[in-house]
Amino acid sequence: MFNRNPSEFLRRYITMDETWIHHYIPESNRSSAEWREAGESRSKRVKASRWAGKVFASVFWDGHGIIHIDYLKKGEKCNKEYYSALLDRVNDEIKKKRPQLAK
C-alpha cells in the first residue's frame, strides 16, 4: 500500500483526541460600569467566578481535515456505551466525508 501511493499513505490514518473545553460568561464593559463622583475611588468588588461550565469534546481527523466532533451531553457518562455509539457516528461520517475509506 505504501509503495503504491506514498504521499497519501499517512493521510489515510484517522486519529482522535479528547479534551475538556472550559467556557465562561464574560462581563461586558456596560454591565461593570458604575457612577461615581469626580475624584471618588472605585469601590472594591469581589471578583466573582465567571466560569459557566465545561464540556467534554472528542475530535476525529485525518490528513485532510476534521471528520467529526462530538460533545458529551450534560449528565451523560463517558462509558463503553457512549464510546460504542460514538464510533458508530464516526463511521457514518467517514462514509459521508471519506467514501474512499469506507468498506
Protein backbone atom coordinates (compact mmCIF):
# COMPACT_ATOMS: atom_id res chain seq x y z
CA MET A 1 0.00 0.00 0.00
CA PHE A 2 2.80 2.43 0.89
CA ASN A 3 4.71 1.67 -2.32
CA ARG A 4 1.65 2.35 -4.50
CA ASN A 5 0.95 5.84 -3.14
CA PRO A 6 3.45 7.03 -0.50
CA SER A 7 2.18 10.63 -0.43
CA GLU A 8 -1.36 9.53 0.52
CA PHE A 9 -0.38 6.70 2.87
CA LEU A 10 -0.23 8.73 6.09
CA ARG A 11 -3.22 10.85 5.12
CA ARG A 12 -5.41 7.76 5.36
CA TYR A 13 -4.91 7.39 9.11
CA ILE A 14 -7.68 8.69 11.33
CA THR A 15 -6.81 9.82 14.83
CA MET A 16 -8.74 11.34 17.70
CA ASP A 17 -8.22 13.36 20.81
CA GLU A 18 -10.40 14.25 23.77
CA THR A 19 -10.34 17.44 25.76
CA TRP A 20 -12.29 19.48 28.28
CA ILE A 21 -13.36 22.83 26.86
CA HIS A 22 -13.96 25.44 29.56
CA HIS A 23 -16.32 28.26 28.78
CA TYR A 24 -17.25 31.36 30.70
CA ILE A 25 -19.61 34.29 30.54
CA PRO A 26 -17.62 37.48 30.02
CA GLU A 27 -18.70 40.59 31.86
CA SER A 28 -19.38 43.38 29.42
CA ASN A 29 -17.99 46.87 29.97
CA ARG A 30 -21.56 48.15 30.17
CA SER A 31 -22.59 45.79 32.99
CA SER A 32 -19.46 46.53 35.03
CA ALA A 33 -19.80 50.33 34.73
CA GLU A 34 -20.68 52.35 37.82
CA TRP A 35 -21.40 56.00 38.52
CA ARG A 36 -19.00 57.85 40.83
CA GLU A 37 -18.22 61.41 41.78
CA ALA A 38 -15.15 63.14 40.37
CA GLY A 39 -12.12 62.11 42.41
CA GLU A 40 -14.01 59.27 44.13
CA SER A 41 -12.13 55.97 44.14
CA ARG A 42 -13.61 52.84 42.68
CA SER A 43 -15.48 50.55 45.03
CA LYS A 44 -13.86 47.25 45.86
CA ARG A 45 -15.55 44.33 44.22
CA VAL A 46 -15.15 40.69 44.92
CA LYS A 47 -14.13 39.01 41.73
CA ALA A 48 -16.85 36.51 41.02
CA SER A 49 -16.12 33.35 39.13
CA ARG A 50 -17.33 33.73 35.59
CA TRP A 51 -16.98 30.07 34.66
CA ALA A 52 -20.20 28.89 33.09
CA GLY A 53 -19.00 25.31 32.85
CA LYS A 54 -17.07 22.89 30.78
CA VAL A 55 -17.85 20.38 28.07
CA PHE A 56 -16.05 17.20 27.03
CA ALA A 57 -15.20 17.07 23.32
CA SER A 58 -13.94 14.22 21.15
CA VAL A 59 -12.39 15.23 17.82
CA PHE A 60 -11.60 12.84 14.95
CA TRP A 61 -9.44 13.91 11.99
CA ASP A 62 -7.13 12.72 9.26
CA GLY A 63 -4.63 14.37 6.92
CA HIS A 64 -7.45 16.04 5.00
CA GLY A 65 -9.14 17.67 7.99
CA ILE A 66 -11.69 17.18 10.74
CA ILE A 67 -14.10 14.30 10.28
CA HIS A 68 -16.26 14.52 13.40
CA ILE A 69 -16.54 16.49 16.66
CA ASP A 70 -18.70 15.09 19.44
CA TYR A 71 -19.70 16.85 22.65
CA LEU A 72 -20.66 14.75 25.65
CA LYS A 73 -24.15 15.75 26.75
CA LYS A 74 -24.62 17.05 30.28
CA GLY A 75 -25.30 14.19 32.66
CA GLU A 76 -24.16 11.54 30.16
CA LYS A 77 -21.42 9.16 31.29
CA CYS A 78 -18.28 8.53 29.27
CA ASN A 79 -18.51 4.74 29.33
CA LYS A 80 -18.41 1.82 26.88
CA GLU A 81 -21.96 2.52 25.64
CA TYR A 82 -21.02 6.12 24.88
CA TYR A 83 -17.87 5.09 23.00
CA SER A 84 -19.70 2.37 21.07
CA ALA A 85 -22.34 4.88 19.89
CA LEU A 86 -19.62 7.46 19.19
CA LEU A 87 -17.72 5.05 16.94
CA ASP A 88 -20.95 4.30 15.06
CA ARG A 89 -21.46 8.04 14.46
CA VAL A 90 -17.84 8.46 13.35
CA ASN A 91 -18.19 5.51 10.98
CA ASP A 92 -21.25 7.17 9.42
CA GLU A 93 -19.29 10.43 9.00
CA ILE A 94 -16.37 8.58 7.39
CA LYS A 95 -18.76 7.03 4.86
CA LYS A 96 -20.09 10.51 4.00
CA LYS A 97 -16.86 12.55 4.10
CA ARG A 98 -14.27 9.92 3.07
CA PRO A 99 -16.15 7.38 0.91
CA GLN A 100 -12.85 6.05 -0.46
CA LEU A 101 -12.00 4.79 3.07
CA ALA A 102 -15.37 3.18 3.80
CA LYS A 103 -15.73 -0.57 3.45
